[in-house]
Amino acid sequence: VGAWTLTSTFDCSENDLGGTLPTQIAAWTRISYFGASNTALSGTLPSELASWSFIANFRVHNASLSGALPSELSTWTRLNTFTCDRNALSGPVPPLTVSDMCRLIDDTAPTNAFDC
């Protein structure tokens, strides 16, 4: 998957995809939409995803992600949508965009524990 460097849209939502997000997807530096909702993805979000400087829509609701959001995600300055409800994410929201990121986080279920 790391060879897919021109990927701009990736959506694997609504399937039985499981495991952790591979760090190789950080090579998708042109990605603007990432969707992995309603999957069995688990583990943490890799800090290497900071290379996604064009990401505008990040949707991972109803997966099994856990842990803190990497502070490196503060580089996601084009982010319009960050949907992550029904996971077990926690901790501080990346510091440089805390007000914007807190506004964008769709935390409709009490399964995440962010500090905004």
C-alpha atoms as a PDB file:
ATOM      1  CA  VAL A   1       0.000   0.000   0.000  1.00  0.00           C
ATOM      2  CA  GLY A   2       2.946   2.337   0.507  1.00  0.00           C
ATOM      3  CA  ALA A   3       3.474   2.398  -3.259  1.00  0.00           C
ATOM      4  CA  TRP A   4       0.090   4.065  -3.801  1.00  0.00           C
ATOM      5  CA  THR A   5       1.656   7.523  -3.439  1.00  0.00           C
ATOM      6  CA  LEU A   6      -0.868   9.282  -5.692  1.00  0.00           C
ATOM      7  CA  THR A   7      -3.872   8.108  -3.676  1.00  0.00           C
ATOM      8  CA  SER A   8      -6.202  11.033  -2.983  1.00  0.00           C
ATOM      9  CA  THR A   9      -9.277   9.132  -1.780  1.00  0.00           C
ATOM     10  CA  PHE A  10      -9.421   5.896   0.180  1.00  0.00           C
ATOM     11  CA  ASP A  11     -12.595   4.429   1.610  1.00  0.00           C
ATOM     12  CA  CYS A  12     -12.755   0.940   3.075  1.00  0.00           C
ATOM     13  CA  SER A  13     -15.819   1.603   5.210  1.00  0.00           C
ATOM     14  CA  GLU A  14     -18.536  -0.960   5.811  1.00  0.00           C
ATOM     15  CA  ASN A  15     -16.436  -4.130   5.631  1.00  0.00           C
ATOM     16  CA  ASP A  16     -14.654  -6.617   7.843  1.00  0.00           C
ATOM     17  CA  LEU A  17     -11.219  -5.052   7.428  1.00  0.00           C
ATOM     18  CA  GLY A  18      -9.272  -5.545  10.651  1.00  0.00           C
ATOM     19  CA  GLY A  19      -5.834  -5.067  12.115  1.00  0.00           C
ATOM     20  CA  THR A  20      -3.873  -1.893  12.658  1.00  0.00           C
ATOM     21  CA  LEU A  21      -3.302   0.965  10.259  1.00  0.00           C
ATOM     22  CA  PRO A  22       0.046   0.321   8.583  1.00  0.00           C
ATOM     23  CA  THR A  23       2.555   3.160   8.835  1.00  0.00           C
ATOM     24  CA  GLN A  24       3.243   2.741   5.105  1.00  0.00           C
ATOM     25  CA  ILE A  25       0.039   4.634   4.299  1.00  0.00           C
ATOM     26  CA  ALA A  26       1.859   7.777   5.423  1.00  0.00           C
ATOM     27  CA  ALA A  27       3.305   7.735   1.887  1.00  0.00           C
ATOM     28  CA  TRP A  28      -0.140   8.797   0.635  1.00  0.00           C
ATOM     29  CA  THR A  29       0.858  12.463   0.903  1.00  0.00           C
ATOM     30  CA  ARG A  30      -1.856  13.600  -1.542  1.00  0.00           C
ATOM     31  CA  ILE A  31      -4.745  11.998   0.305  1.00  0.00           C
ATOM     32  CA  SER A  32      -7.676  14.300   1.039  1.00  0.00           C
ATOM     33  CA  TYR A  33     -10.323  11.751   2.076  1.00  0.00           C
ATOM     34  CA  PHE A  34      -9.787   8.722   4.323  1.00  0.00           C
ATOM     35  CA  GLY A  35     -12.719   6.571   5.342  1.00  0.00           C
ATOM     36  CA  ALA A  36     -12.530   3.474   7.511  1.00  0.00           C
ATOM     37  CA  SER A  37     -15.830   3.621   9.374  1.00  0.00           C
ATOM     38  CA  ASN A  38     -17.673   0.516  10.517  1.00  0.00           C
ATOM     39  CA  THR A  39     -14.580  -1.684  10.309  1.00  0.00           C
ATOM     40  CA  ALA A  40     -12.611  -3.784  12.766  1.00  0.00           C
ATOM     41  CA  LEU A  41      -9.486  -1.606  12.589  1.00  0.00           C
ATOM     42  CA  SER A  42      -7.756  -1.495  15.954  1.00  0.00           C
ATOM     43  CA  GLY A  43      -4.759   0.050  17.664  1.00  0.00           C
ATOM     44  CA  THR A  44      -3.633   3.635  17.604  1.00  0.00           C
ATOM     45  CA  LEU A  45      -3.400   6.229  14.866  1.00  0.00           C
ATOM     46  CA  PRO A  46       0.208   6.262  13.617  1.00  0.00           C
ATOM     47  CA  SER A  47       2.043   9.560  14.149  1.00  0.00           C
ATOM     48  CA  GLU A  48       3.426   9.154  10.619  1.00  0.00           C
ATOM     49  CA  LEU A  49       0.024  10.258   9.289  1.00  0.00           C
ATOM     50  CA  ALA A  50       1.236  13.812   9.934  1.00  0.00           C
ATOM     51  CA  SER A  51       2.521  13.660   6.342  1.00  0.00           C
ATOM     52  CA  TRP A  52      -1.101  13.896   5.153  1.00  0.00           C
ATOM     53  CA  SER A  53      -1.003  17.660   4.673  1.00  0.00           C
ATOM     54  CA  PHE A  54      -3.949  17.605   2.223  1.00  0.00           C
ATOM     55  CA  ILE A  55      -6.315  15.593   4.419  1.00  0.00           C
ATOM     56  CA  ALA A  56      -9.714  17.287   4.588  1.00  0.00           C
ATOM     57  CA  ASN A  57     -12.000  14.422   5.619  1.00  0.00           C
ATOM     58  CA  PHE A  58     -10.998  11.731   8.105  1.00  0.00           C
ATOM     59  CA  ARG A  59     -13.765   9.319   9.049  1.00  0.00           C
ATOM     60  CA  VAL A  60     -13.115   6.363  11.330  1.00  0.00           C
ATOM     61  CA  HIS A  61     -16.304   6.113  13.393  1.00  0.00           C
ATOM     62  CA  ASN A  62     -17.372   2.758  14.774  1.00  0.00           C
ATOM     63  CA  ALA A  63     -13.985   1.051  14.542  1.00  0.00           C
ATOM     64  CA  SER A  64     -11.883  -0.215  17.428  1.00  0.00           C
ATOM     65  CA  LEU A  65      -9.207   2.464  17.526  1.00  0.00           C
ATOM     66  CA  SER A  66      -7.738   3.393  20.895  1.00  0.00           C
ATOM     67  CA  GLY A  67      -5.139   5.561  22.560  1.00  0.00           C
ATOM     68  CA  ALA A  68      -4.240   9.209  22.227  1.00  0.00           C
ATOM     69  CA  LEU A  69      -4.323  11.258  19.070  1.00  0.00           C
ATOM     70  CA  PRO A  70      -0.705  11.863  18.012  1.00  0.00           C
ATOM     71  CA  SER A  71       0.311  15.497  18.535  1.00  0.00           C
ATOM     72  CA  GLU A  72       1.813  15.373  15.030  1.00  0.00           C
ATOM     73  CA  LEU A  73      -1.706  15.495  13.592  1.00  0.00           C
ATOM     74  CA  SER A  74      -1.661  19.229  14.302  1.00  0.00           C
ATOM     75  CA  THR A  75      -0.249  19.490  10.757  1.00  0.00           C
ATOM     76  CA  TRP A  76      -3.697  18.645   9.383  1.00  0.00           C
ATOM     77  CA  THR A  77      -4.530  22.304   8.722  1.00  0.00           C
ATOM     78  CA  ARG A  78      -6.969  21.574   5.844  1.00  0.00           C
ATOM     79  CA  LEU A  79      -9.158  19.290   7.958  1.00  0.00           C
ATOM     80  CA  ASN A  80     -12.898  19.883   7.578  1.00  0.00           C
ATOM     81  CA  THR A  81     -14.324  16.665   9.016  1.00  0.00           C
ATOM     82  CA  PHE A  82     -12.946  14.399  11.731  1.00  0.00           C
ATOM     83  CA  THR A  83     -15.477  11.727  12.631  1.00  0.00           C
ATOM     84  CA  CYS A  84     -14.267   9.310  15.283  1.00  0.00           C
ATOM     85  CA  ASP A  85     -17.209   8.421  17.508  1.00  0.00           C
ATOM     86  CA  ARG A  86     -17.589   4.851  18.781  1.00  0.00           C
ATOM     87  CA  ASN A  87     -13.870   4.248  19.329  1.00  0.00           C
ATOM     88  CA  ALA A  88     -11.778   4.290  22.498  1.00  0.00           C
ATOM     89  CA  LEU A  89      -9.631   7.314  21.682  1.00  0.00           C
ATOM     90  CA  SER A  90      -8.521   9.510  24.561  1.00  0.00           C
ATOM     91  CA  GLY A  91      -6.208  12.208  25.810  1.00  0.00           C
ATOM     92  CA  PRO A  92      -5.401  15.674  24.598  1.00  0.00           C
ATOM     93  CA  VAL A  93      -6.373  16.883  21.177  1.00  0.00           C
ATOM     94  CA  PRO A  94      -3.315  17.967  19.138  1.00  0.00           C
ATOM     95  CA  PRO A  95      -2.191  21.322  20.564  1.00  0.00           C
ATOM     96  CA  LEU A  96      -1.652  23.597  17.589  1.00  0.00           C
ATOM     97  CA  THR A  97      -5.185  23.208  16.280  1.00  0.00           C
ATOM     98  CA  VAL A  98      -6.954  22.450  19.532  1.00  0.00           C
ATOM     99  CA  SER A  99      -9.859  24.857  19.082  1.00  0.00           C
ATOM    100  CA  ASP A 100     -10.452  23.863  15.467  1.00  0.00           C
ATOM    101  CA  MET A 101      -9.921  20.158  16.082  1.00  0.00           C
ATOM    102  CA  CYS A 102     -12.259  20.153  19.080  1.00  0.00           C
ATOM    103  CA  ARG A 103     -14.890  21.848  16.945  1.00  0.00           C
ATOM    104  CA  LEU A 104     -14.489  19.242  14.196  1.00  0.00           C
ATOM    105  CA  ILE A 105     -14.522  16.129  16.330  1.00  0.00           C
ATOM    106  CA  ASP A 106     -17.881  14.436  16.055  1.00  0.00           C
ATOM    107  CA  ASP A 107     -17.924  12.835  19.487  1.00  0.00           C
ATOM    108  CA  THR A 108     -21.554  11.792  19.663  1.00  0.00           C
ATOM    109  CA  ALA A 109     -20.934   8.634  21.672  1.00  0.00           C
ATOM    110  CA  PRO A 110     -19.258   8.606  25.095  1.00  0.00           C
ATOM    111  CA  THR A 111     -16.697   6.043  23.939  1.00  0.00           C
ATOM    112  CA  ASN A 112     -13.889   8.571  23.467  1.00  0.00           C
ATOM    113  CA  ALA A 113     -12.379  10.645  26.265  1.00  0.00           C
ATOM    114  CA  PHE A 114     -10.787  13.709  24.697  1.00  0.00           C
ATOM    115  CA  ASP A 115      -9.459  16.694  26.670  1.00  0.00           C
ATOM    116  CA  CYS A 116     -10.725  19.779  24.844  1.00  0.00           C
END
